[in-house]
Protein backbone atom coordinates (compact mmCIF):
# COMPACT_ATOMS: atom_id res chain seq x y z
CA MET A 1 7.21 30.56 -12.21
CA PRO A 2 7.50 34.29 -14.19
CA THR A 3 9.25 36.89 -12.80
CA ILE A 4 6.92 40.08 -12.63
CA THR A 5 8.63 42.10 -16.14
CA GLU A 6 8.41 38.68 -18.04
CA ALA A 7 4.80 38.28 -16.05
CA ALA A 8 2.60 41.92 -17.56
CA GLY A 9 4.05 41.16 -20.58
CA GLN A 10 3.06 37.93 -21.21
CA LEU A 11 -0.14 38.86 -19.60
CA ALA A 12 -0.80 42.39 -21.90
CA ALA A 13 0.42 40.13 -24.85
CA ASP A 14 -2.98 37.51 -23.93
CA GLY A 15 -4.86 40.65 -23.49
CA LEU A 16 -7.73 39.57 -20.48
CA PRO A 17 -8.60 40.57 -17.26
CA VAL A 18 -6.25 40.23 -14.04
CA LEU A 19 -7.46 39.43 -10.28
CA CYS A 20 -4.18 39.22 -7.85
CA ILE A 21 -4.72 37.09 -5.03
CA ASP A 22 -4.81 37.06 -1.64
CA THR A 23 -4.34 33.49 0.42
CA CYS A 24 -7.42 34.39 2.91
CA VAL A 25 -9.14 34.52 -0.24
CA LEU A 26 -8.40 30.72 -1.50
CA LEU A 27 -8.58 29.66 2.49
CA ASP A 28 -12.33 31.14 3.11
CA VAL A 29 -13.88 29.25 0.08
CA ILE A 30 -13.06 26.16 2.70
CA ARG A 31 -14.20 27.86 6.02
CA THR A 32 -17.36 28.78 3.57
CA PRO A 33 -19.59 26.71 6.48
CA VAL A 34 -18.30 27.20 9.07
CA ARG A 35 -18.64 31.68 8.48
CA ARG A 36 -21.28 31.88 6.17
CA ILE A 37 -19.87 33.49 3.23
CA PRO A 38 -22.54 34.87 0.53
CA GLY A 39 -21.55 33.47 -2.48
CA CYS A 40 -18.32 32.16 -2.07
CA ILE A 41 -18.21 28.58 -3.77
CA GLN A 42 -20.47 29.60 -5.98
CA CYS A 43 -17.99 32.19 -7.42
CA ALA A 44 -14.90 29.94 -6.91
CA ILE A 45 -16.57 27.47 -9.81
CA GLU A 46 -17.01 30.10 -11.79
CA LEU A 47 -14.17 31.94 -11.65
CA ALA A 48 -11.75 27.88 -11.60
CA GLU A 49 -14.77 28.26 -15.02
CA MET A 50 -13.58 31.55 -16.25
CA GLN A 51 -9.56 30.65 -15.90
CA ALA A 52 -10.57 27.18 -18.20
CA GLN A 53 -11.72 28.44 -20.30
CA SER A 54 -9.52 31.78 -20.86
CA ARG A 55 -11.92 34.43 -20.16
CA CYS A 56 -9.54 35.71 -17.22
CA ARG A 57 -6.18 35.05 -15.66
CA ILE A 58 -5.31 34.44 -11.77
CA VAL A 59 -1.64 36.26 -10.99
CA ALA A 60 -0.32 34.97 -7.45
CA SER A 61 2.34 36.78 -5.37
CA SER A 62 5.43 35.14 -4.65
CA MET A 63 4.41 34.65 -0.94
CA ILE A 64 0.31 32.99 -1.85
CA GLN A 65 2.25 29.26 -2.20
CA ASN A 66 3.86 29.55 0.91
CA GLU A 67 1.17 30.93 3.07
CA TRP A 68 -1.50 28.51 0.94
CA GLU A 69 1.06 26.07 2.26
CA THR A 70 1.15 27.02 6.05
CA HIS A 71 -2.53 27.49 6.86
CA GLU A 72 -4.91 25.10 4.41
CA GLN A 73 -4.60 22.21 6.89
CA ALA A 74 -5.65 24.51 9.27
CA VAL A 75 -8.61 26.00 8.13
CA MET A 76 -9.01 22.07 6.60
CA THR A 77 -9.24 20.71 10.25
CA GLU A 78 -11.25 24.45 11.04
CA LEU A 79 -14.85 23.08 8.41
CA ASP A 80 -13.80 18.90 9.76
CA ARG A 81 -14.34 19.96 13.49
CA HIS A 82 -17.94 22.34 12.68
CA LEU A 83 -18.99 19.09 10.90
CA GLU A 84 -18.26 17.13 13.77
CA ALA A 85 -20.45 19.44 15.58
CA ARG A 86 -23.06 19.95 13.36
CA ASP A 87 -23.03 15.42 13.62
CA ARG A 88 -23.30 15.54 17.33
CA ASP A 89 -25.90 18.39 17.77
CA ALA A 90 -28.10 16.46 15.39
CA LEU A 91 -27.33 13.17 17.50
CA ALA A 92 -28.23 14.60 19.52
CA PHE A 93 -32.01 15.51 18.20
CA HIS A 94 -32.64 12.44 16.49
CA GLU A 95 -31.91 11.11 20.34
CA ALA A 96 -34.39 12.78 22.06
CA CYS A 97 -36.90 12.41 19.35
CA GLU A 98 -36.94 9.13 20.11
CA VAL A 99 -37.16 9.52 23.86
CA VAL A 100 -40.42 11.61 23.21
CA GLY A 101 -41.40 9.41 20.96
CA ILE A 102 -42.04 11.72 18.04
CA SER A 103 -41.53 9.74 14.31
CA LEU A 104 -39.04 11.78 12.00
CA SER A 105 -39.19 11.32 8.42
CA PHE A 106 -35.70 11.55 7.91
CA GLY A 107 -32.87 9.69 9.12
CA LYS A 108 -29.48 10.98 10.79
CA PRO A 109 -27.24 13.42 8.99
CA SER A 110 -23.83 12.16 8.58
CA TYR A 111 -21.66 15.98 7.69
CA GLN A 112 -18.16 14.94 7.93
CA ALA A 113 -18.30 11.80 5.97
CA ALA A 114 -19.66 13.68 3.47
CA GLY A 115 -16.06 14.88 1.98
CA LEU A 116 -16.84 18.45 1.55
CA VAL A 117 -13.94 19.28 3.37
CA ALA A 118 -12.13 17.95 0.29
CA LYS A 119 -13.93 18.70 -2.40
CA LEU A 120 -13.68 22.70 -1.57
CA ARG A 121 -9.97 22.03 -0.53
CA ASP A 122 -9.28 20.69 -4.19
CA LEU A 123 -11.84 23.69 -5.50
CA ALA A 124 -9.54 26.15 -3.56
CA ALA A 125 -5.92 24.57 -4.70
CA GLU A 126 -6.87 24.56 -8.15
CA LEU A 127 -7.47 27.82 -8.16
CA LEU A 128 -3.72 28.26 -6.68
CA LYS A 129 -2.68 25.79 -8.76
CA ASN A 130 -3.68 27.76 -12.45
CA SER A 131 -2.48 31.16 -11.32
CA ILE A 132 0.32 32.88 -12.77
CA HIS A 133 2.87 32.37 -9.79
CA LEU A 134 5.54 36.04 -9.44
CA PHE A 135 9.00 34.95 -9.09
CA PRO A 136 10.08 37.35 -6.02
CA SER A 137 12.33 40.35 -6.21
CA ASN A 138 15.19 41.37 -4.39
CA GLU A 139 13.69 44.66 -4.78
CA LEU A 140 10.54 44.69 -4.05
CA LYS A 141 10.95 42.86 -0.84
CA VAL A 142 13.50 45.54 0.17
CA ARG A 143 10.23 48.27 -0.60
CA ALA A 144 7.80 46.17 1.01
CA PHE A 145 9.91 46.69 4.53
CA ASP A 146 10.28 50.24 4.40
CA ARG A 147 6.75 49.57 4.21
CA SER A 148 6.47 47.51 7.04
CA LEU A 149 8.65 49.99 8.97
CA ALA A 150 7.26 52.60 7.66
CA ARG A 151 3.49 51.27 9.27
CA LYS A 152 2.62 52.28 5.98
CA ARG A 153 -1.02 49.68 5.24
CA PRO A 154 -1.43 46.82 4.79
CA ALA A 155 1.12 47.03 7.61
CA ARG A 156 0.49 47.87 10.83
CA LYS A 157 2.13 48.50 14.45
CA GLY A 158 5.47 48.28 12.13
CA GLY A 159 4.48 44.69 11.17
CA GLY A 160 3.11 42.90 8.53
CA VAL A 161 6.05 41.92 5.61
CA GLN A 162 4.23 39.74 4.11
CA ASP A 163 1.35 41.67 3.33
CA CYS A 164 3.90 43.88 2.33
CA THR A 165 5.50 42.37 0.13
CA ILE A 166 2.09 40.92 -1.42
CA ILE A 167 1.04 44.35 -2.47
CA GLU A 168 3.81 45.87 -3.58
CA GLU A 169 4.26 42.81 -6.03
CA TYR A 170 1.59 43.51 -7.30
CA LEU A 171 1.55 47.06 -7.58
CA GLU A 172 4.61 46.59 -9.70
CA PHE A 173 2.86 44.42 -11.60
CA CYS A 174 -0.19 46.51 -12.25
CA ARG A 175 2.25 49.65 -13.23
CA LEU A 176 4.15 47.06 -16.34
CA LEU A 177 0.59 46.45 -16.83
CA GLN A 178 -0.49 49.80 -17.57
CA ALA A 179 3.00 51.38 -18.84
CA GLY A 180 2.31 48.95 -21.64
CA GLY A 181 -1.46 49.95 -22.46
CA PHE A 182 -3.44 47.11 -20.70
CA ALA A 183 -6.80 48.64 -20.96
CA LYS A 184 -8.40 45.84 -19.10
CA LYS A 185 -9.63 44.96 -16.01
CA ARG A 186 -7.56 44.38 -13.16
CA ALA A 187 -8.78 43.83 -9.49
CA PHE A 188 -7.63 42.57 -6.16
CA CYS A 189 -9.62 40.51 -4.04
CA SER A 190 -8.48 39.89 0.30
CA SER A 191 -10.92 38.95 2.40
CA ASN A 192 -8.30 40.63 5.51
CA THR A 193 -10.29 44.02 5.95
CA GLU A 194 -8.43 45.08 9.11
CA ASP A 195 -5.47 45.72 7.26
CA TYR A 196 -6.58 46.70 3.85
CA GLN A 197 -10.26 48.75 4.64
CA ASP A 198 -10.88 51.57 7.16
CA GLY A 199 -14.82 51.27 7.46
CA HIS A 200 -16.49 49.73 4.12
CA LYS A 201 -13.79 51.55 1.92
CA LEU A 202 -10.11 50.90 1.07
CA HIS A 203 -8.22 52.78 3.45
CA GLU A 204 -7.42 56.57 2.23
CA SER A 205 -3.40 55.73 1.50
CA LEU A 206 -3.63 52.46 -0.48
CA ALA A 207 -6.74 53.95 -2.64
CA SER A 208 -4.38 56.71 -3.94
CA GLU A 209 -1.69 53.66 -5.14
CA PHE A 210 -4.46 51.25 -6.35
CA ALA A 211 -5.55 53.73 -8.23
CA SER A 212 -2.63 55.27 -9.58
CA VAL A 213 -2.39 51.75 -11.33
CA GLY A 214 -5.94 51.45 -12.40
CA LEU A 215 -6.24 48.36 -10.58
CA VAL A 216 -9.40 47.78 -8.55
CA PHE A 217 -9.76 46.74 -4.80
CA THR A 218 -12.19 43.64 -3.74
CA ASN A 219 -12.74 41.87 -0.52
CA ALA A 220 -15.20 38.53 -1.73
CA LEU A 221 -14.39 36.21 -4.82
CA HIS A 222 -18.00 37.55 -5.96
CA TRP A 223 -16.57 41.10 -5.78
CA ALA A 224 -14.12 40.50 -7.67
CA VAL A 225 -15.93 37.98 -10.53
CA ASN A 226 -17.99 40.32 -10.96
CA GLU A 227 -15.81 43.36 -11.66
CA LEU A 228 -13.90 40.90 -13.95
CA LYS A 229 -17.23 40.55 -16.07
CA LYS A 230 -17.32 44.29 -16.16
CA PRO A 231 -15.96 45.75 -19.53
């Protein structure tokens, strides 16, 4: 686990586009069938391929691993229950057709037993596993705490220290990249629109911070992947 300075030096030498991820984006891969997030699974697969082929680098804040482990099982359970409900709906449909004498050309599905929950979890986990995980910084923890107290986005109502730590680490990381002459795309992806956006745009206070370090905000994986592929 490199320090932020070490990670910036490593990625500057690599010269590849960089994606800074938020935990919710990884969890979105698992809950896509529930929330019907357009293009999420396809873009997660494409991002994993880009990662494996050294066409980009993914960076994870020191907060991400713990947040992932905290929420992973709950999101998997959410999808499992969704699929279980679809199985019950299908069973009720087939039973009704049988009662009224409708002959169906297809059998009863078994969504819950298909293995989708584990497959999507593994896809998201692989993205995280192969990311560059930043080592926590005491200085940035202080900045994050001050940011939270000031209710500065992504903090609201004086809370959100973890989110503030994530964004402070990424801003510092991008400052170091910029200072080193890094010219490739650097993007941040979070579907936490309530904390980051004002309507359809990045919140004004964050927009100026992001622009100052050349960081592009995206709120969905398909947008993030498209940004990484731009020259």
